Amino acid sequence: MDIEKRRCLRFNLPGRADVTFDRSPSSCVVARTQDFSRQGISIETENFDMLDSKTVHMEITPGWETSEKVSLEGNVIWQRMQGNRCFLGVSIEKMDNQKKNDLLEHSYYLWQTTSNLK
């Protein structure tokens, strides 16, 4: 039996993330956001050579109307390759609390609305 290791409920967060490693413009990649929680976010991007550094800065543009960019700082805590795709899990270290709550509330609303249709 698998034991769930996640401490926080995760929600689907469709959108785009411009990701920079170590704040180096040459290390910028465009990613697709996967899921989001109070403590972290996962993203998917094309295969790339990741720097040794695990520090990231992200500009997230959620995929729903009325969205505005949200910035966050974090650390890569896991990485896996699947074919030509790279998946990363990032722990959130620095993010505006109000914007984080707004993303969580909207994501929760979408999850609740979608799950009630089933």
C-alpha atoms as a PDB file:
ATOM      1  CA  MET A   1       0.000   0.000   0.000  1.00  0.00           C
ATOM      2  CA  ASP A   2       1.328   3.444  -0.967  1.00  0.00           C
ATOM      3  CA  ILE A   3       1.294   6.035   1.760  1.00  0.00           C
ATOM      4  CA  GLU A   4       0.477   9.525   0.561  1.00  0.00           C
ATOM      5  CA  LYS A   5       3.444  11.797   1.270  1.00  0.00           C
ATOM      6  CA  ARG A   6       1.775  15.067   0.354  1.00  0.00           C
ATOM      7  CA  ARG A   7       0.867  17.345   3.216  1.00  0.00           C
ATOM      8  CA  CYS A   8      -1.370  19.711   1.244  1.00  0.00           C
ATOM      9  CA  LEU A   9      -4.228  19.179  -1.169  1.00  0.00           C
ATOM     10  CA  ARG A  10      -3.128  19.856  -4.756  1.00  0.00           C
ATOM     11  CA  PHE A  11      -5.227  21.446  -7.460  1.00  0.00           C
ATOM     12  CA  ASN A  12      -4.889  21.492 -11.236  1.00  0.00           C
ATOM     13  CA  LEU A  13      -3.503  24.871 -12.302  1.00  0.00           C
ATOM     14  CA  PRO A  14      -3.647  25.233 -16.078  1.00  0.00           C
ATOM     15  CA  GLY A  15      -1.384  27.956 -17.360  1.00  0.00           C
ATOM     16  CA  ARG A  16       2.068  29.061 -18.376  1.00  0.00           C
ATOM     17  CA  ALA A  17       5.220  29.640 -16.347  1.00  0.00           C
ATOM     18  CA  ASP A  18       8.312  31.518 -17.453  1.00  0.00           C
ATOM     19  CA  VAL A  19      11.017  29.862 -15.360  1.00  0.00           C
ATOM     20  CA  THR A  20      14.488  31.266 -14.716  1.00  0.00           C
ATOM     21  CA  PHE A  21      17.187  29.369 -12.862  1.00  0.00           C
ATOM     22  CA  ASP A  22      19.482  31.411 -10.620  1.00  0.00           C
ATOM     23  CA  ARG A  23      17.937  34.539 -12.146  1.00  0.00           C
ATOM     24  CA  SER A  24      20.108  33.990 -15.223  1.00  0.00           C
ATOM     25  CA  PRO A  25      18.356  35.223 -18.415  1.00  0.00           C
ATOM     26  CA  SER A  26      20.199  32.555 -20.401  1.00  0.00           C
ATOM     27  CA  SER A  27      18.523  29.835 -18.331  1.00  0.00           C
ATOM     28  CA  CYS A  28      14.923  30.881 -19.018  1.00  0.00           C
ATOM     29  CA  VAL A  29      12.481  28.163 -20.145  1.00  0.00           C
ATOM     30  CA  VAL A  30       8.764  28.243 -20.854  1.00  0.00           C
ATOM     31  CA  ALA A  31       6.767  25.630 -18.973  1.00  0.00           C
ATOM     32  CA  ARG A  32       3.202  24.471 -18.525  1.00  0.00           C
ATOM     33  CA  THR A  33       1.894  24.529 -14.982  1.00  0.00           C
ATOM     34  CA  GLN A  34       0.567  21.195 -13.702  1.00  0.00           C
ATOM     35  CA  ASP A  35      -0.666  21.408 -10.147  1.00  0.00           C
ATOM     36  CA  PHE A  36      -0.449  23.814  -7.259  1.00  0.00           C
ATOM     37  CA  SER A  37      -0.653  23.634  -3.476  1.00  0.00           C
ATOM     38  CA  ARG A  38       0.062  25.876  -0.534  1.00  0.00           C
ATOM     39  CA  GLN A  39       3.647  24.571  -0.434  1.00  0.00           C
ATOM     40  CA  GLY A  40       4.564  23.877  -4.051  1.00  0.00           C
ATOM     41  CA  ILE A  41       3.939  23.752  -7.761  1.00  0.00           C
ATOM     42  CA  SER A  42       4.786  21.265 -10.490  1.00  0.00           C
ATOM     43  CA  ILE A  43       5.562  22.184 -14.069  1.00  0.00           C
ATOM     44  CA  GLU A  44       6.235  20.446 -17.386  1.00  0.00           C
ATOM     45  CA  THR A  45       8.583  21.636 -20.112  1.00  0.00           C
ATOM     46  CA  GLU A  46      10.582  20.350 -23.039  1.00  0.00           C
ATOM     47  CA  ASN A  47      13.843  18.604 -22.260  1.00  0.00           C
ATOM     48  CA  PHE A  48      16.595  21.068 -21.340  1.00  0.00           C
ATOM     49  CA  ASP A  49      19.953  21.060 -19.621  1.00  0.00           C
ATOM     50  CA  MET A  50      19.151  22.064 -16.081  1.00  0.00           C
ATOM     51  CA  LEU A  51      21.776  23.999 -14.221  1.00  0.00           C
ATOM     52  CA  ASP A  52      23.303  22.625 -11.039  1.00  0.00           C
ATOM     53  CA  SER A  53      21.417  25.276  -9.125  1.00  0.00           C
ATOM     54  CA  LYS A  54      18.018  24.403  -7.794  1.00  0.00           C
ATOM     55  CA  THR A  55      16.866  28.000  -7.204  1.00  0.00           C
ATOM     56  CA  VAL A  56      14.100  29.199  -9.536  1.00  0.00           C
ATOM     57  CA  HIS A  57      12.088  32.313 -10.214  1.00  0.00           C
ATOM     58  CA  MET A  58       8.712  31.905 -11.952  1.00  0.00           C
ATOM     59  CA  GLU A  59       6.262  34.255 -13.597  1.00  0.00           C
ATOM     60  CA  ILE A  60       2.992  32.303 -13.722  1.00  0.00           C
ATOM     61  CA  THR A  61       0.106  33.229 -16.001  1.00  0.00           C
ATOM     62  CA  PRO A  62      -2.934  31.131 -15.009  1.00  0.00           C
ATOM     63  CA  GLY A  63      -5.038  29.841 -17.899  1.00  0.00           C
ATOM     64  CA  TRP A  64      -8.343  31.379 -16.872  1.00  0.00           C
ATOM     65  CA  GLU A  65      -9.827  34.728 -17.811  1.00  0.00           C
ATOM     66  CA  THR A  66      -9.095  37.679 -15.530  1.00  0.00           C
ATOM     67  CA  SER A  67      -5.700  36.195 -14.802  1.00  0.00           C
ATOM     68  CA  GLU A  68      -2.649  38.276 -14.127  1.00  0.00           C
ATOM     69  CA  LYS A  69       0.954  37.209 -13.727  1.00  0.00           C
ATOM     70  CA  VAL A  70       2.018  35.940 -10.338  1.00  0.00           C
ATOM     71  CA  SER A  71       5.674  35.744  -9.272  1.00  0.00           C
ATOM     72  CA  LEU A  72       7.255  33.211  -6.982  1.00  0.00           C
ATOM     73  CA  GLU A  73      10.682  32.076  -5.821  1.00  0.00           C
ATOM     74  CA  GLY A  74      11.386  28.464  -4.988  1.00  0.00           C
ATOM     75  CA  ASN A  75      13.656  25.451  -4.981  1.00  0.00           C
ATOM     76  CA  VAL A  76      13.506  22.400  -7.225  1.00  0.00           C
ATOM     77  CA  ILE A  77      12.863  19.407  -4.979  1.00  0.00           C
ATOM     78  CA  TRP A  78      12.387  16.751  -7.656  1.00  0.00           C
ATOM     79  CA  GLN A  79      12.938  16.311 -11.374  1.00  0.00           C
ATOM     80  CA  ARG A  80      12.109  13.484 -13.758  1.00  0.00           C
ATOM     81  CA  MET A  81      12.350  12.919 -17.465  1.00  0.00           C
ATOM     82  CA  GLN A  82       9.680  11.212 -19.523  1.00  0.00           C
ATOM     83  CA  GLY A  83      10.568  10.991 -23.195  1.00  0.00           C
ATOM     84  CA  ASN A  84      11.432  14.493 -24.339  1.00  0.00           C
ATOM     85  CA  ARG A  85       9.508  16.114 -21.460  1.00  0.00           C
ATOM     86  CA  CYS A  86      10.939  17.330 -18.174  1.00  0.00           C
ATOM     87  CA  PHE A  87       8.783  17.476 -15.040  1.00  0.00           C
ATOM     88  CA  LEU A  88       9.846  19.554 -12.030  1.00  0.00           C
ATOM     89  CA  GLY A  89       8.468  19.938  -8.526  1.00  0.00           C
ATOM     90  CA  VAL A  90       9.204  23.261  -6.859  1.00  0.00           C
ATOM     91  CA  SER A  91       8.759  24.140  -3.195  1.00  0.00           C
ATOM     92  CA  ILE A  92       7.528  27.709  -2.824  1.00  0.00           C
ATOM     93  CA  GLU A  93       9.891  29.794  -0.717  1.00  0.00           C
ATOM     94  CA  LYS A  94       8.649  33.307  -1.493  1.00  0.00           C
ATOM     95  CA  MET A  95       5.283  34.382  -2.888  1.00  0.00           C
ATOM     96  CA  ASP A  96       2.770  37.107  -2.116  1.00  0.00           C
ATOM     97  CA  ASN A  97       0.295  35.510   0.321  1.00  0.00           C
ATOM     98  CA  GLN A  98      -2.755  37.235  -1.146  1.00  0.00           C
ATOM     99  CA  LYS A  99      -1.897  36.112  -4.672  1.00  0.00           C
ATOM    100  CA  LYS A 100      -1.229  32.569  -3.429  1.00  0.00           C
ATOM    101  CA  ASN A 101      -4.623  32.529  -1.697  1.00  0.00           C
ATOM    102  CA  ASP A 102      -6.312  33.870  -4.844  1.00  0.00           C
ATOM    103  CA  LEU A 103      -4.775  31.060  -6.941  1.00  0.00           C
ATOM    104  CA  LEU A 104      -5.767  28.441  -4.373  1.00  0.00           C
ATOM    105  CA  GLU A 105      -9.335  29.757  -4.099  1.00  0.00           C
ATOM    106  CA  HIS A 106      -9.851  29.850  -7.849  1.00  0.00           C
ATOM    107  CA  SER A 107      -8.253  26.418  -8.309  1.00  0.00           C
ATOM    108  CA  TYR A 108     -10.446  25.019  -5.523  1.00  0.00           C
ATOM    109  CA  TYR A 109     -13.539  26.523  -7.135  1.00  0.00           C
ATOM    110  CA  LEU A 110     -12.673  24.911 -10.489  1.00  0.00           C
ATOM    111  CA  TRP A 111     -11.974  21.564  -8.800  1.00  0.00           C
ATOM    112  CA  GLN A 112     -15.248  21.703  -6.856  1.00  0.00           C
ATOM    113  CA  THR A 113     -17.280  22.665  -9.937  1.00  0.00           C
ATOM    114  CA  THR A 114     -15.685  19.957 -12.086  1.00  0.00           C
ATOM    115  CA  SER A 115     -15.956  17.200  -9.472  1.00  0.00           C
ATOM    116  CA  ASN A 116     -19.661  17.983  -8.893  1.00  0.00           C
ATOM    117  CA  LEU A 117     -20.365  17.360 -12.595  1.00  0.00           C
ATOM    118  CA  LYS A 118     -19.251  13.725 -12.365  1.00  0.00           C
END
